[in-house]
N, C-alpha and C. Protein backbone atom coordinates (compact mmCIF):
# COMPACT_ATOMS: atom_id res chain seq x y z
N MET A 1 56.37 -141.47 201.68
CA MET A 1 55.74 -140.28 201.14
C MET A 1 55.26 -139.42 202.31
N PRO A 2 55.55 -138.11 202.31
CA PRO A 2 55.07 -137.25 203.39
C PRO A 2 53.55 -137.18 203.41
N ALA A 3 52.99 -136.98 204.59
CA ALA A 3 51.54 -136.89 204.71
C ALA A 3 50.98 -135.70 203.93
N LEU A 4 51.73 -134.62 203.88
CA LEU A 4 51.27 -133.43 203.17
C LEU A 4 51.81 -133.43 201.75
N HIS A 5 51.44 -134.46 201.05
CA HIS A 5 51.86 -134.67 199.66
C HIS A 5 51.21 -133.62 198.76
N PRO A 6 51.87 -133.23 197.67
CA PRO A 6 51.29 -132.24 196.75
C PRO A 6 49.89 -132.60 196.24
N ASP A 7 49.54 -133.87 196.22
CA ASP A 7 48.19 -134.27 195.81
C ASP A 7 47.11 -133.74 196.76
N ARG A 8 47.52 -133.33 197.95
CA ARG A 8 46.58 -132.82 198.95
C ARG A 8 46.66 -131.30 199.10
N PHE A 9 47.32 -130.66 198.14
CA PHE A 9 47.40 -129.19 198.12
C PHE A 9 46.04 -128.67 197.69
N PHE A 10 45.37 -127.89 198.55
CA PHE A 10 44.00 -127.47 198.30
C PHE A 10 43.88 -126.01 197.83
N HIS A 11 44.59 -125.09 198.48
CA HIS A 11 44.50 -123.69 198.05
C HIS A 11 45.71 -122.89 198.50
N THR A 12 45.84 -121.71 197.87
CA THR A 12 46.79 -120.69 198.30
C THR A 12 45.97 -119.56 198.88
N GLY A 13 46.29 -119.18 200.12
CA GLY A 13 45.59 -118.09 200.78
C GLY A 13 46.31 -116.78 200.52
N VAL A 14 45.54 -115.77 200.12
CA VAL A 14 46.08 -114.45 199.81
C VAL A 14 45.31 -113.42 200.64
N VAL A 15 46.04 -112.58 201.36
CA VAL A 15 45.42 -111.50 202.12
C VAL A 15 45.32 -110.28 201.21
N VAL A 16 44.14 -109.65 201.23
CA VAL A 16 43.90 -108.46 200.41
C VAL A 16 43.32 -107.35 201.28
N ALA A 17 43.57 -106.11 200.90
CA ALA A 17 43.03 -104.97 201.65
C ALA A 17 41.54 -104.80 201.41
N ASP A 18 41.08 -105.08 200.19
CA ASP A 18 39.68 -104.87 199.80
C ASP A 18 39.24 -106.08 199.00
N ILE A 19 38.46 -106.96 199.61
CA ILE A 19 38.09 -108.21 198.95
C ILE A 19 37.19 -107.97 197.73
N ASP A 20 36.30 -106.99 197.80
CA ASP A 20 35.43 -106.71 196.65
C ASP A 20 36.26 -106.29 195.44
N LEU A 21 37.22 -105.40 195.66
CA LEU A 21 38.09 -104.95 194.59
C LEU A 21 38.91 -106.12 194.03
N ALA A 22 39.48 -106.93 194.92
CA ALA A 22 40.31 -108.06 194.47
C ALA A 22 39.48 -109.07 193.67
N MET A 23 38.28 -109.37 194.14
CA MET A 23 37.43 -110.33 193.41
C MET A 23 37.08 -109.78 192.02
N THR A 24 36.73 -108.51 191.96
CA THR A 24 36.38 -107.89 190.67
C THR A 24 37.57 -107.88 189.73
N GLU A 25 38.73 -107.44 190.22
CA GLU A 25 39.94 -107.39 189.39
C GLU A 25 40.29 -108.76 188.84
N LEU A 26 40.33 -109.77 189.73
CA LEU A 26 40.76 -111.11 189.32
C LEU A 26 39.73 -111.79 188.43
N SER A 27 38.45 -111.47 188.63
CA SER A 27 37.42 -111.99 187.73
C SER A 27 37.61 -111.42 186.33
N ARG A 28 37.82 -110.12 186.27
CA ARG A 28 37.96 -109.44 184.98
C ARG A 28 39.26 -109.83 184.26
N SER A 29 40.36 -109.84 184.98
CA SER A 29 41.65 -110.05 184.32
C SER A 29 42.04 -111.52 184.16
N LEU A 30 41.58 -112.39 185.08
CA LEU A 30 41.99 -113.80 185.03
C LEU A 30 40.83 -114.77 184.81
N GLY A 31 39.61 -114.26 184.74
CA GLY A 31 38.46 -115.12 184.49
C GLY A 31 38.05 -115.98 185.68
N ILE A 32 38.47 -115.60 186.88
CA ILE A 32 38.14 -116.38 188.07
C ILE A 32 36.73 -116.06 188.52
N THR A 33 35.98 -117.09 188.91
CA THR A 33 34.68 -116.91 189.54
C THR A 33 34.81 -117.28 191.02
N TRP A 34 33.93 -116.70 191.84
CA TRP A 34 34.10 -116.77 193.29
C TRP A 34 32.88 -117.30 194.01
N LYS A 35 33.12 -117.89 195.15
CA LYS A 35 32.07 -118.21 196.12
C LYS A 35 32.49 -117.57 197.43
N GLY A 36 31.52 -117.02 198.13
CA GLY A 36 31.80 -116.39 199.41
C GLY A 36 32.09 -114.91 199.24
N GLY A 37 32.82 -114.37 200.20
CA GLY A 37 33.19 -112.97 200.17
C GLY A 37 32.34 -112.11 201.09
N TRP A 38 31.28 -112.67 201.63
CA TRP A 38 30.43 -111.90 202.54
C TRP A 38 30.97 -112.02 203.97
N PRO A 39 30.58 -111.10 204.86
CA PRO A 39 31.03 -111.18 206.24
C PRO A 39 30.42 -112.40 206.94
N ALA A 40 31.25 -113.12 207.68
CA ALA A 40 30.80 -114.27 208.46
C ALA A 40 31.65 -114.37 209.71
N VAL A 41 31.02 -114.72 210.82
CA VAL A 41 31.74 -114.87 212.08
C VAL A 41 32.35 -116.27 212.13
N HIS A 42 33.63 -116.32 212.45
CA HIS A 42 34.38 -117.58 212.56
C HIS A 42 34.87 -117.73 214.00
N HIS A 43 34.72 -118.92 214.54
CA HIS A 43 35.27 -119.22 215.87
C HIS A 43 36.65 -119.83 215.65
N LEU A 44 37.69 -119.11 216.07
CA LEU A 44 39.07 -119.51 215.80
C LEU A 44 39.90 -119.46 217.08
N HIS A 45 40.97 -120.24 217.08
CA HIS A 45 41.92 -120.21 218.19
C HIS A 45 43.26 -119.73 217.65
N TYR A 46 43.69 -118.52 218.07
CA TYR A 46 44.98 -117.98 217.68
C TYR A 46 45.45 -117.02 218.77
N PHE A 47 46.73 -116.71 218.75
CA PHE A 47 47.34 -115.88 219.80
C PHE A 47 47.07 -116.48 221.18
N GLY A 48 46.93 -117.82 221.24
CA GLY A 48 46.74 -118.52 222.51
C GLY A 48 45.36 -118.42 223.12
N ALA A 49 44.37 -117.93 222.37
CA ALA A 49 43.03 -117.78 222.92
C ALA A 49 41.98 -118.01 221.84
N ASP A 50 40.74 -118.25 222.28
CA ASP A 50 39.62 -118.38 221.36
C ASP A 50 39.12 -117.00 220.97
N HIS A 51 38.71 -116.87 219.71
CA HIS A 51 38.21 -115.59 219.19
C HIS A 51 37.01 -115.85 218.30
N ASP A 52 35.99 -115.02 218.43
CA ASP A 52 34.91 -114.96 217.46
C ASP A 52 35.18 -113.72 216.64
N VAL A 53 35.50 -113.92 215.37
CA VAL A 53 35.93 -112.79 214.55
C VAL A 53 35.16 -112.81 213.23
N GLU A 54 34.69 -111.61 212.83
CA GLU A 54 34.00 -111.49 211.56
C GLU A 54 35.05 -111.30 210.47
N LEU A 55 35.05 -112.21 209.51
CA LEU A 55 35.99 -112.18 208.38
C LEU A 55 35.22 -112.24 207.08
N ARG A 56 35.87 -111.75 206.03
CA ARG A 56 35.36 -111.90 204.67
C ARG A 56 36.36 -112.77 203.92
N ILE A 57 35.89 -113.94 203.49
CA ILE A 57 36.74 -114.92 202.81
C ILE A 57 36.01 -115.38 201.56
N ALA A 58 36.74 -115.48 200.46
CA ALA A 58 36.17 -115.99 199.20
C ALA A 58 37.11 -117.04 198.63
N PHE A 59 36.53 -118.02 197.93
CA PHE A 59 37.30 -119.07 197.27
C PHE A 59 37.01 -119.04 195.78
N SER A 60 38.04 -119.27 194.98
CA SER A 60 37.82 -119.44 193.54
C SER A 60 37.06 -120.74 193.32
N VAL A 61 36.13 -120.71 192.39
CA VAL A 61 35.42 -121.94 192.03
C VAL A 61 36.39 -122.85 191.28
N GLN A 62 37.25 -122.26 190.46
CA GLN A 62 38.22 -123.04 189.71
C GLN A 62 39.26 -123.63 190.67
N GLY A 63 39.63 -124.86 190.42
CA GLY A 63 40.63 -125.53 191.24
C GLY A 63 40.23 -126.98 191.41
N PRO A 64 40.93 -127.75 192.17
CA PRO A 64 42.10 -127.36 192.95
C PRO A 64 43.38 -127.29 192.10
N PRO A 65 44.36 -126.56 192.59
CA PRO A 65 44.27 -125.76 193.80
C PRO A 65 43.41 -124.52 193.58
N HIS A 66 42.73 -124.13 194.65
CA HIS A 66 41.89 -122.95 194.63
C HIS A 66 42.70 -121.74 195.10
N LEU A 67 42.13 -120.58 194.89
CA LEU A 67 42.68 -119.34 195.43
C LEU A 67 41.70 -118.89 196.51
N GLU A 68 42.23 -118.61 197.69
CA GLU A 68 41.42 -118.11 198.80
C GLU A 68 41.82 -116.66 199.04
N LEU A 69 40.83 -115.76 199.05
CA LEU A 69 41.07 -114.37 199.40
C LEU A 69 40.54 -114.13 200.81
N ILE A 70 41.34 -113.48 201.64
CA ILE A 70 40.96 -113.14 203.00
C ILE A 70 41.15 -111.63 203.15
N GLU A 71 40.10 -110.93 203.50
CA GLU A 71 40.23 -109.49 203.69
C GLU A 71 40.97 -109.22 205.01
N ALA A 72 41.98 -108.37 204.94
CA ALA A 72 42.79 -108.03 206.11
C ALA A 72 41.92 -107.46 207.22
N LYS A 73 42.28 -107.79 208.46
CA LYS A 73 41.52 -107.32 209.62
C LYS A 73 42.47 -107.16 210.80
N ASP A 74 42.33 -106.05 211.52
CA ASP A 74 43.15 -105.78 212.70
C ASP A 74 43.04 -106.91 213.73
N ASP A 75 44.12 -107.11 214.47
CA ASP A 75 44.16 -108.04 215.61
C ASP A 75 43.82 -109.47 215.24
N THR A 76 44.21 -109.89 214.03
CA THR A 76 44.02 -111.27 213.59
C THR A 76 45.32 -111.77 212.99
N LEU A 77 45.27 -112.97 212.46
CA LEU A 77 46.42 -113.52 211.73
C LEU A 77 46.56 -112.90 210.34
N TRP A 78 45.61 -112.04 209.96
CA TRP A 78 45.59 -111.42 208.63
C TRP A 78 45.50 -109.90 208.78
N PRO A 79 46.52 -109.26 209.38
CA PRO A 79 46.43 -107.82 209.67
C PRO A 79 46.59 -106.95 208.42
N PRO A 80 46.05 -105.72 208.48
CA PRO A 80 46.30 -104.77 207.39
C PRO A 80 47.81 -104.61 207.19
N GLY A 81 48.19 -104.42 205.94
CA GLY A 81 49.61 -104.30 205.62
C GLY A 81 50.27 -105.63 205.32
N SER A 82 49.50 -106.73 205.43
CA SER A 82 50.08 -108.05 205.17
C SER A 82 49.62 -108.61 203.83
N SER A 83 49.16 -107.74 202.93
CA SER A 83 48.64 -108.20 201.64
C SER A 83 49.67 -109.03 200.89
N GLY A 84 49.18 -110.03 200.20
CA GLY A 84 50.02 -110.93 199.42
C GLY A 84 49.80 -112.37 199.85
N THR A 85 50.61 -113.25 199.30
CA THR A 85 50.48 -114.67 199.62
C THR A 85 50.71 -114.87 201.11
N HIS A 86 49.77 -115.55 201.73
CA HIS A 86 49.79 -115.74 203.18
C HIS A 86 50.13 -117.17 203.56
N HIS A 87 49.52 -118.16 202.87
CA HIS A 87 49.74 -119.55 203.27
C HIS A 87 49.43 -120.52 202.13
N LEU A 88 49.93 -121.73 202.30
CA LEU A 88 49.61 -122.87 201.45
C LEU A 88 48.76 -123.80 202.28
N CYS A 89 47.67 -124.31 201.70
CA CYS A 89 46.75 -125.15 202.46
C CYS A 89 46.73 -126.58 201.93
N TYR A 90 46.87 -127.51 202.85
CA TYR A 90 46.79 -128.95 202.57
C TYR A 90 45.70 -129.55 203.44
N TRP A 91 45.14 -130.68 203.00
CA TRP A 91 44.18 -131.38 203.84
C TRP A 91 44.78 -132.71 204.25
N SER A 92 44.25 -133.27 205.33
CA SER A 92 44.83 -134.48 205.90
C SER A 92 43.76 -135.38 206.49
N ASP A 93 43.94 -136.68 206.32
CA ASP A 93 43.08 -137.67 206.98
C ASP A 93 43.39 -137.76 208.46
N ASP A 94 44.57 -137.31 208.86
CA ASP A 94 45.00 -137.33 210.26
C ASP A 94 45.62 -135.98 210.61
N ALA A 95 44.78 -134.95 210.68
CA ALA A 95 45.28 -133.59 210.91
C ALA A 95 45.98 -133.47 212.26
N ALA A 96 45.48 -134.13 213.28
CA ALA A 96 46.13 -134.05 214.60
C ALA A 96 47.53 -134.65 214.52
N GLY A 97 47.65 -135.83 213.91
CA GLY A 97 48.96 -136.48 213.78
C GLY A 97 49.89 -135.71 212.87
N ASP A 98 49.36 -135.20 211.75
CA ASP A 98 50.21 -134.45 210.83
C ASP A 98 50.62 -133.11 211.43
N GLY A 99 49.73 -132.49 212.20
CA GLY A 99 50.09 -131.27 212.90
C GLY A 99 51.22 -131.52 213.90
N ALA A 100 51.13 -132.63 214.63
CA ALA A 100 52.19 -132.98 215.57
C ALA A 100 53.49 -133.25 214.81
N GLY A 101 53.38 -133.87 213.63
CA GLY A 101 54.56 -134.11 212.81
C GLY A 101 55.22 -132.82 212.35
N LEU A 102 54.40 -131.84 211.96
CA LEU A 102 54.95 -130.55 211.56
C LEU A 102 55.65 -129.89 212.75
N GLU A 103 55.02 -129.95 213.92
CA GLU A 103 55.64 -129.36 215.11
C GLU A 103 56.96 -130.07 215.44
N ALA A 104 57.00 -131.38 215.25
CA ALA A 104 58.24 -132.13 215.50
C ALA A 104 59.33 -131.74 214.51
N GLU A 105 58.93 -131.26 213.33
CA GLU A 105 59.89 -130.81 212.32
C GLU A 105 60.31 -129.36 212.54
N GLY A 106 59.82 -128.74 213.61
CA GLY A 106 60.22 -127.38 213.92
C GLY A 106 59.23 -126.32 213.49
N TYR A 107 58.07 -126.71 212.96
CA TYR A 107 57.05 -125.74 212.60
C TYR A 107 56.42 -125.19 213.87
N GLN A 108 56.16 -123.89 213.89
CA GLN A 108 55.50 -123.25 215.02
C GLN A 108 54.01 -123.21 214.76
N ARG A 109 53.22 -123.69 215.73
CA ARG A 109 51.76 -123.63 215.59
C ARG A 109 51.32 -122.18 215.81
N LEU A 110 50.60 -121.62 214.82
CA LEU A 110 50.08 -120.26 214.92
C LEU A 110 48.62 -120.22 215.31
N SER A 111 47.88 -121.28 214.95
CA SER A 111 46.45 -121.33 215.28
C SER A 111 46.04 -122.77 215.45
N GLY A 112 44.86 -122.95 216.03
CA GLY A 112 44.39 -124.29 216.33
C GLY A 112 44.99 -124.75 217.65
N VAL A 113 44.58 -125.95 218.07
CA VAL A 113 45.01 -126.49 219.35
C VAL A 113 45.78 -127.78 219.11
N SER A 114 46.97 -127.88 219.69
CA SER A 114 47.79 -129.08 219.53
C SER A 114 47.00 -130.33 219.90
N GLY A 115 47.13 -131.36 219.07
CA GLY A 115 46.49 -132.64 219.33
C GLY A 115 45.03 -132.72 218.93
N VAL A 116 44.46 -131.62 218.43
CA VAL A 116 43.04 -131.61 218.10
C VAL A 116 42.80 -131.71 216.59
N GLY A 117 43.58 -131.02 215.81
CA GLY A 117 43.31 -131.04 214.37
C GLY A 117 44.11 -130.03 213.62
N GLY A 118 43.45 -129.34 212.73
CA GLY A 118 44.12 -128.43 211.82
C GLY A 118 44.54 -127.12 212.45
N GLY A 119 45.04 -126.25 211.60
CA GLY A 119 45.49 -124.93 212.03
C GLY A 119 46.54 -124.40 211.08
N TYR A 120 47.14 -123.29 211.48
CA TYR A 120 48.25 -122.69 210.74
C TYR A 120 49.55 -123.04 211.43
N PHE A 121 50.59 -123.31 210.61
CA PHE A 121 51.91 -123.66 211.12
C PHE A 121 52.94 -122.88 210.30
N ARG A 122 53.93 -122.30 210.97
CA ARG A 122 54.99 -121.59 210.25
C ARG A 122 56.25 -122.44 210.29
N SER A 123 56.82 -122.69 209.09
CA SER A 123 58.03 -123.49 208.97
C SER A 123 59.22 -122.71 209.50
N PRO A 124 60.31 -123.39 209.81
CA PRO A 124 61.52 -122.68 210.25
C PRO A 124 62.01 -121.64 209.23
N SER A 125 61.70 -121.85 207.94
CA SER A 125 62.13 -120.88 206.91
C SER A 125 61.12 -119.76 206.71
N GLY A 126 59.96 -119.82 207.41
CA GLY A 126 58.99 -118.74 207.34
C GLY A 126 57.78 -118.99 206.47
N VAL A 127 57.63 -120.17 205.87
CA VAL A 127 56.46 -120.48 205.05
C VAL A 127 55.33 -120.93 205.97
N THR A 128 54.16 -120.34 205.78
CA THR A 128 53.00 -120.71 206.59
C THR A 128 52.17 -121.75 205.83
N VAL A 129 51.84 -122.83 206.54
CA VAL A 129 51.05 -123.94 206.00
C VAL A 129 49.78 -124.05 206.82
N GLU A 130 48.65 -124.13 206.13
CA GLU A 130 47.38 -124.40 206.80
C GLU A 130 47.08 -125.88 206.63
N LEU A 131 46.60 -126.50 207.67
CA LEU A 131 46.26 -127.92 207.65
C LEU A 131 44.77 -128.05 207.92
N LEU A 132 44.03 -128.63 206.96
CA LEU A 132 42.59 -128.85 207.11
C LEU A 132 42.32 -130.29 207.50
N THR A 133 41.32 -130.49 208.34
CA THR A 133 40.86 -131.84 208.62
C THR A 133 40.15 -132.36 207.36
N ALA A 134 40.08 -133.67 207.21
CA ALA A 134 39.44 -134.26 206.03
C ALA A 134 37.97 -133.88 205.94
N ASP A 135 37.27 -133.83 207.08
CA ASP A 135 35.84 -133.50 207.02
C ASP A 135 35.62 -132.04 206.63
N TYR A 136 36.45 -131.12 207.12
CA TYR A 136 36.31 -129.72 206.72
C TYR A 136 36.66 -129.55 205.25
N HIS A 137 37.69 -130.23 204.80
CA HIS A 137 38.06 -130.20 203.38
C HIS A 137 36.87 -130.65 202.53
N GLN A 138 36.22 -131.74 202.92
CA GLN A 138 35.10 -132.25 202.13
C GLN A 138 33.92 -131.28 202.14
N ARG A 139 33.68 -130.61 203.27
CA ARG A 139 32.61 -129.61 203.31
C ARG A 139 32.92 -128.46 202.36
N LEU A 140 34.17 -128.00 202.32
CA LEU A 140 34.55 -126.93 201.39
C LEU A 140 34.38 -127.37 199.94
N VAL A 141 34.83 -128.58 199.62
CA VAL A 141 34.70 -129.09 198.25
C VAL A 141 33.23 -129.14 197.86
N SER A 142 32.37 -129.67 198.73
CA SER A 142 30.94 -129.76 198.43
C SER A 142 30.34 -128.38 198.20
N TRP A 143 30.70 -127.41 199.05
CA TRP A 143 30.19 -126.05 198.92
C TRP A 143 30.64 -125.44 197.60
N LEU A 144 31.91 -125.63 197.23
CA LEU A 144 32.43 -125.05 196.00
C LEU A 144 31.80 -125.67 194.76
N GLN A 145 31.32 -126.91 194.86
CA GLN A 145 30.73 -127.59 193.71
C GLN A 145 29.25 -127.28 193.54
N ARG A 146 28.59 -126.74 194.58
CA ARG A 146 27.18 -126.38 194.47
C ARG A 146 27.02 -125.16 193.58
N PRO A 147 25.95 -125.10 192.80
CA PRO A 147 25.72 -123.90 191.97
C PRO A 147 25.62 -122.65 192.83
N SER A 148 26.17 -121.59 192.31
CA SER A 148 26.18 -120.31 193.04
C SER A 148 24.90 -119.56 192.77
N THR A 149 24.44 -118.83 193.79
CA THR A 149 23.25 -118.01 193.61
C THR A 149 23.60 -116.55 193.38
N SER A 150 24.89 -116.21 193.50
CA SER A 150 25.31 -114.83 193.25
C SER A 150 26.68 -114.82 192.61
N SER A 151 27.03 -113.72 192.01
CA SER A 151 28.34 -113.59 191.37
C SER A 151 28.90 -112.21 191.64
N VAL A 152 30.18 -112.06 191.35
CA VAL A 152 30.81 -110.76 191.54
C VAL A 152 30.59 -109.92 190.31
C-alpha cells in the first residue's frame, strides 16, 4: 500500500482572489462553515529560500477531506491569476521518507527542505501534492474541532 493512501487525504487547497468573498459565497451556496481566514505570518521555504509571508488561509470545518482556501498573493506559490484547485494534501507518519519517495518517483519539490519533512511536490503530470507531518496534521485537526469564536 502506498504511504500516501487515500485514507490520509486531508484537504484540497484552492487559491482564490478574495478569501472573504469566497468564504461568504461557499457558506451561502454550499453550507460550508470556516475557521481562519485572517492574516497570519507563515515561515515557509520556497523558491530555494526562507520567507516570512503574510497569508490568509481558511479551512472548512466540515471534513475530512476539508477545503482549504488560500488568498492569492504576489511572489508566492499562490500568485494572483492562479485561482482554482491548487493541490491535494495528505498527511504522513514519515513525511521526510515519503517526501524522498515522491522525489524518487519524479516529483519536483516546490517547498520545504529535502530530508526534513513536508512540503509541496509537483508530479511529472503536473498535479501538486502537499505532504503534512503527522504532528502538524494533528494540530490542524485539533484546531478544526475546537468551537469557533467567529463566523463568516
